[in-house]
Amino acid sequence: VEGSRKATDRLVTVLVCSAFGLALIPLASIVWTVVSKGAPILGSQFFTYSMRNVVGEGGGIYHALVGTLLITGAATVISVPIGLFTSIYLVEYGEGKRMASAIRFLVDVMTGIPSIVAGLFAYALFVLFFGEGVRMGIGGSVALSVLMIPVVVRACEEMLKLVPNELREAAFALGVPKWRTISKVVVPTALAGIVTGITLAIARVIGETAPLLIVAGY
């Protein structure tokens, strides 16, 4: 019985390892093709020149890098203050209030919004104010901020909840107003987690393309 069990174990081990090896072959082939064909192109020109056309040779990704930094940076500027102040309201002022429950429900709904819907929302908003045919980079930032805000709100809310109440009570005992307690005690204590949440929100949107194609048009 012991010998048959060892034989079965070895057979299963061999089958699993073989299947794993077979699964790695396509992945290794793709990696090798990408590296072998892409390595000669990498150089200073690749990062400092813009793409000349879709199928031609030469050029680089400079335009993509700059565009990503500008639009993502603008989206961060829009979404971080809104998300942070919303989370402060939910944790510090909204306990037991209907408005806080409504905001949490809205944030939960926004978390599941597809990126294409955010792009359509931003496009409709800009068409309403500027008319049809308008393509603006700030519109792409607005679309991305719609995706970032719920992530920032949830992350900051959880970090603010982790701040011990003893710190708040100590500040109140010294006669510090609530707004100053929040700005000088609560937020600095949770700053590391807040930065992490903002970083996750940026990672959530930095690779999005559909909203930008709809709103910015390029």
Protein backbone atom coordinates (compact mmCIF):
# COMPACT_ATOMS: atom_id res chain seq x y z
CA VAL A 1 0.00 0.00 0.00
CA GLU A 2 2.82 2.39 0.89
CA GLY A 3 4.58 1.70 -2.39
CA SER A 4 1.46 2.38 -4.45
CA ARG A 5 0.90 5.65 -2.62
CA LYS A 6 4.46 6.80 -3.35
CA ALA A 7 4.08 5.83 -6.99
CA THR A 8 0.80 7.72 -7.26
CA ASP A 9 2.35 10.75 -5.55
CA ARG A 10 5.31 10.73 -7.95
CA LEU A 11 3.01 10.35 -10.95
CA VAL A 12 0.84 13.28 -9.87
CA THR A 13 3.94 15.38 -9.16
CA VAL A 14 5.32 14.64 -12.62
CA LEU A 15 1.98 15.49 -14.26
CA VAL A 16 1.64 18.77 -12.36
CA CYS A 17 5.22 19.82 -13.14
CA SER A 18 4.77 18.88 -16.80
CA ALA A 19 1.55 20.90 -17.04
CA PHE A 20 3.27 23.85 -15.37
CA GLY A 21 6.17 23.62 -17.80
CA LEU A 22 3.83 23.47 -20.80
CA ALA A 23 1.97 26.53 -19.50
CA LEU A 24 5.24 28.45 -19.25
CA ILE A 25 6.21 27.86 -22.88
CA PRO A 26 3.76 30.43 -24.41
CA LEU A 27 4.64 32.97 -21.72
CA ALA A 28 8.37 32.51 -22.29
CA SER A 29 7.83 32.81 -26.03
CA ILE A 30 5.96 36.09 -25.65
CA VAL A 31 8.56 37.51 -23.26
CA TRP A 32 11.41 36.50 -25.58
CA THR A 33 9.71 38.03 -28.63
CA VAL A 34 9.00 41.31 -26.84
CA VAL A 35 12.50 41.59 -25.38
CA SER A 36 14.37 40.55 -28.54
CA LYS A 37 12.44 42.94 -30.79
CA GLY A 38 12.10 45.78 -28.29
CA ALA A 39 15.58 45.93 -26.80
CA PRO A 40 17.24 47.46 -29.91
CA ILE A 41 14.71 50.30 -29.86
CA LEU A 42 15.35 51.33 -26.27
CA GLY A 43 17.55 54.37 -26.03
CA SER A 44 17.54 58.08 -25.26
CA GLN A 45 15.51 58.83 -28.38
CA PHE A 46 12.76 56.45 -27.27
CA PHE A 47 12.12 58.56 -24.16
CA THR A 48 12.79 62.03 -25.58
CA TYR A 49 10.99 61.94 -28.96
CA SER A 50 7.31 61.73 -29.77
CA MET A 51 5.78 59.05 -31.98
CA ARG A 52 5.96 60.04 -35.66
CA ASN A 53 3.06 57.90 -36.86
CA VAL A 54 1.27 54.70 -36.01
CA VAL A 55 3.19 52.20 -38.15
CA GLY A 56 6.40 54.02 -39.11
CA GLU A 57 9.79 53.56 -37.57
CA GLY A 58 11.48 55.99 -35.22
CA GLY A 59 10.00 58.27 -32.61
CA GLY A 60 9.31 57.44 -28.98
CA ILE A 61 6.93 57.71 -26.06
CA TYR A 62 7.71 61.23 -24.90
CA HIS A 63 4.19 62.47 -25.77
CA ALA A 64 2.62 59.57 -23.88
CA LEU A 65 4.74 60.16 -20.78
CA VAL A 66 4.05 63.89 -20.67
CA GLY A 67 0.34 63.43 -21.38
CA THR A 68 0.01 60.81 -18.67
CA LEU A 69 1.75 62.99 -16.10
CA LEU A 70 -0.29 66.10 -16.95
CA ILE A 71 -3.73 64.49 -17.06
CA THR A 72 -3.12 62.20 -14.07
CA GLY A 73 -1.66 65.10 -12.11
CA ALA A 74 -4.68 67.28 -12.84
CA ALA A 75 -7.01 64.43 -11.87
CA THR A 76 -5.11 64.04 -8.60
CA VAL A 77 -5.41 67.76 -7.86
CA ILE A 78 -9.17 67.51 -8.41
CA SER A 79 -9.89 64.27 -6.58
CA VAL A 80 -7.60 64.38 -3.53
CA PRO A 81 -9.12 67.47 -1.83
CA ILE A 82 -12.66 66.26 -2.54
CA GLY A 83 -11.92 62.76 -1.31
CA LEU A 84 -10.01 63.86 1.77
CA PHE A 85 -12.58 66.42 2.92
CA THR A 86 -15.38 63.94 2.28
CA SER A 87 -13.69 61.29 4.40
CA ILE A 88 -13.09 63.83 7.18
CA TYR A 89 -16.79 64.69 7.17
CA LEU A 90 -17.80 61.03 7.25
CA VAL A 91 -15.52 60.18 10.17
CA GLU A 92 -15.54 63.35 12.27
CA TYR A 93 -18.91 64.98 11.60
CA GLY A 94 -21.25 62.51 9.92
CA GLU A 95 -21.69 59.86 12.59
CA GLY A 96 -25.33 58.76 12.58
CA LYS A 97 -26.45 61.36 10.02
CA ARG A 98 -28.49 60.58 6.95
CA MET A 99 -26.25 62.71 4.76
CA ALA A 100 -23.26 60.55 5.68
CA SER A 101 -25.19 57.38 4.85
CA ALA A 102 -26.21 58.85 1.49
CA ILE A 103 -22.60 59.83 0.73
CA ARG A 104 -21.34 56.34 1.62
CA PHE A 105 -23.97 54.81 -0.66
CA LEU A 106 -22.95 57.15 -3.48
CA VAL A 107 -19.27 56.33 -2.98
CA ASP A 108 -20.06 52.60 -3.11
CA VAL A 109 -21.95 53.10 -6.36
CA MET A 110 -19.13 55.17 -7.86
CA THR A 111 -16.63 52.45 -6.98
CA GLY A 112 -18.28 50.13 -9.48
CA ILE A 113 -18.65 52.64 -12.31
CA PRO A 114 -16.96 51.42 -15.53
CA SER A 115 -14.34 53.79 -16.87
CA ILE A 116 -16.24 54.25 -20.13
CA VAL A 117 -19.24 55.59 -18.18
CA ALA A 118 -17.00 58.11 -16.43
CA GLY A 119 -15.75 59.23 -19.83
CA LEU A 120 -19.29 59.64 -21.14
CA PHE A 121 -20.22 61.66 -18.04
CA ALA A 122 -17.28 64.03 -18.51
CA TYR A 123 -17.98 64.34 -22.22
CA ALA A 124 -21.64 65.18 -21.60
CA LEU A 125 -20.61 67.72 -18.95
CA PHE A 126 -18.22 69.51 -21.27
CA VAL A 127 -20.65 69.39 -24.20
CA LEU A 128 -23.22 71.05 -21.94
CA PHE A 129 -20.86 73.95 -21.15
CA PHE A 130 -18.72 74.29 -24.28
CA GLY A 131 -20.79 72.76 -27.06
CA GLU A 132 -20.18 69.80 -29.34
CA GLY A 133 -16.84 68.99 -30.91
CA VAL A 134 -14.78 70.26 -27.99
CA ARG A 135 -11.76 68.14 -27.00
CA MET A 136 -9.93 69.21 -23.85
CA GLY A 137 -7.33 67.53 -21.70
CA ILE A 138 -9.02 68.80 -18.54
CA GLY A 139 -12.05 66.78 -19.57
CA GLY A 140 -9.93 63.65 -19.35
CA SER A 141 -8.79 64.72 -15.90
CA VAL A 142 -12.41 65.16 -14.80
CA ALA A 143 -13.24 61.68 -16.08
CA LEU A 144 -10.30 60.16 -14.21
CA SER A 145 -11.17 62.08 -11.05
CA VAL A 146 -14.62 60.44 -11.08
CA LEU A 147 -12.82 57.10 -10.85
CA MET A 148 -10.32 58.30 -8.26
CA ILE A 149 -12.64 59.99 -5.77
CA PRO A 150 -14.31 56.84 -4.36
CA VAL A 151 -10.94 55.14 -3.89
CA VAL A 152 -9.54 58.18 -2.08
CA VAL A 153 -12.65 58.50 0.10
CA ARG A 154 -12.64 54.86 1.16
CA ALA A 155 -8.91 54.73 1.83
CA CYS A 156 -8.81 57.99 3.79
CA GLU A 157 -11.93 57.08 5.76
CA GLU A 158 -10.42 53.80 6.90
CA MET A 159 -7.16 55.48 7.88
CA LEU A 160 -8.92 58.21 9.86
CA LYS A 161 -10.94 55.58 11.72
CA LEU A 162 -7.69 53.96 12.87
CA VAL A 163 -6.60 57.13 14.69
CA PRO A 164 -7.10 56.44 18.45
CA ASN A 165 -9.88 58.45 20.06
CA GLU A 166 -7.53 59.13 22.98
CA LEU A 167 -5.60 61.56 20.78
CA ARG A 168 -8.78 63.48 19.96
CA GLU A 169 -9.87 63.51 23.61
CA ALA A 170 -6.47 64.74 24.75
CA ALA A 171 -6.65 67.63 22.29
CA PHE A 172 -10.20 68.48 23.38
CA ALA A 173 -9.12 68.39 27.02
CA LEU A 174 -6.52 71.06 26.24
CA GLY A 175 -9.20 73.27 24.72
CA VAL A 176 -8.17 72.75 21.10
CA PRO A 177 -11.05 73.37 18.64
CA LYS A 178 -12.25 70.40 16.65
CA TRP A 179 -11.11 71.74 13.30
CA ARG A 180 -7.60 72.31 14.64
CA THR A 181 -7.60 68.86 16.23
CA ILE A 182 -8.40 67.37 12.85
CA SER A 183 -5.77 69.36 10.99
CA LYS A 184 -2.99 69.11 13.58
CA VAL A 185 -3.59 65.73 15.21
CA VAL A 186 -5.89 63.41 13.26
CA VAL A 187 -4.71 64.00 9.70
CA PRO A 188 -0.95 63.98 10.49
CA THR A 189 -1.38 60.76 12.44
CA ALA A 190 -3.09 59.09 9.49
CA LEU A 191 -0.89 60.75 6.86
CA ALA A 192 1.05 57.61 5.88
CA GLY A 193 -2.14 55.66 5.21
CA ILE A 194 -3.67 58.61 3.36
CA VAL A 195 -0.66 58.83 1.04
CA THR A 196 -0.89 55.10 0.41
CA GLY A 197 -4.58 55.43 -0.48
CA ILE A 198 -3.85 58.29 -2.87
CA THR A 199 -1.12 56.22 -4.50
CA LEU A 200 -3.57 53.34 -4.99
CA ALA A 201 -6.08 55.74 -6.52
CA ILE A 202 -3.45 57.02 -8.96
CA ALA A 203 -2.53 53.45 -9.87
CA ARG A 204 -6.22 52.79 -10.49
CA VAL A 205 -6.51 55.43 -13.22
CA ILE A 206 -3.04 55.97 -14.65
CA GLY A 207 -3.51 53.25 -17.25
CA GLU A 208 -7.05 54.15 -18.31
CA THR A 209 -7.52 54.91 -22.00
CA ALA A 210 -11.26 54.70 -22.75
CA PRO A 211 -12.28 57.89 -20.90
CA LEU A 212 -9.48 59.84 -22.55
CA LEU A 213 -10.40 58.64 -26.03
CA ILE A 214 -13.98 59.82 -25.48
CA VAL A 215 -13.27 63.16 -23.80
CA ALA A 216 -9.87 64.28 -25.06
CA GLY A 217 -10.15 62.58 -28.44
CA TYR A 218 -6.47 61.55 -28.55
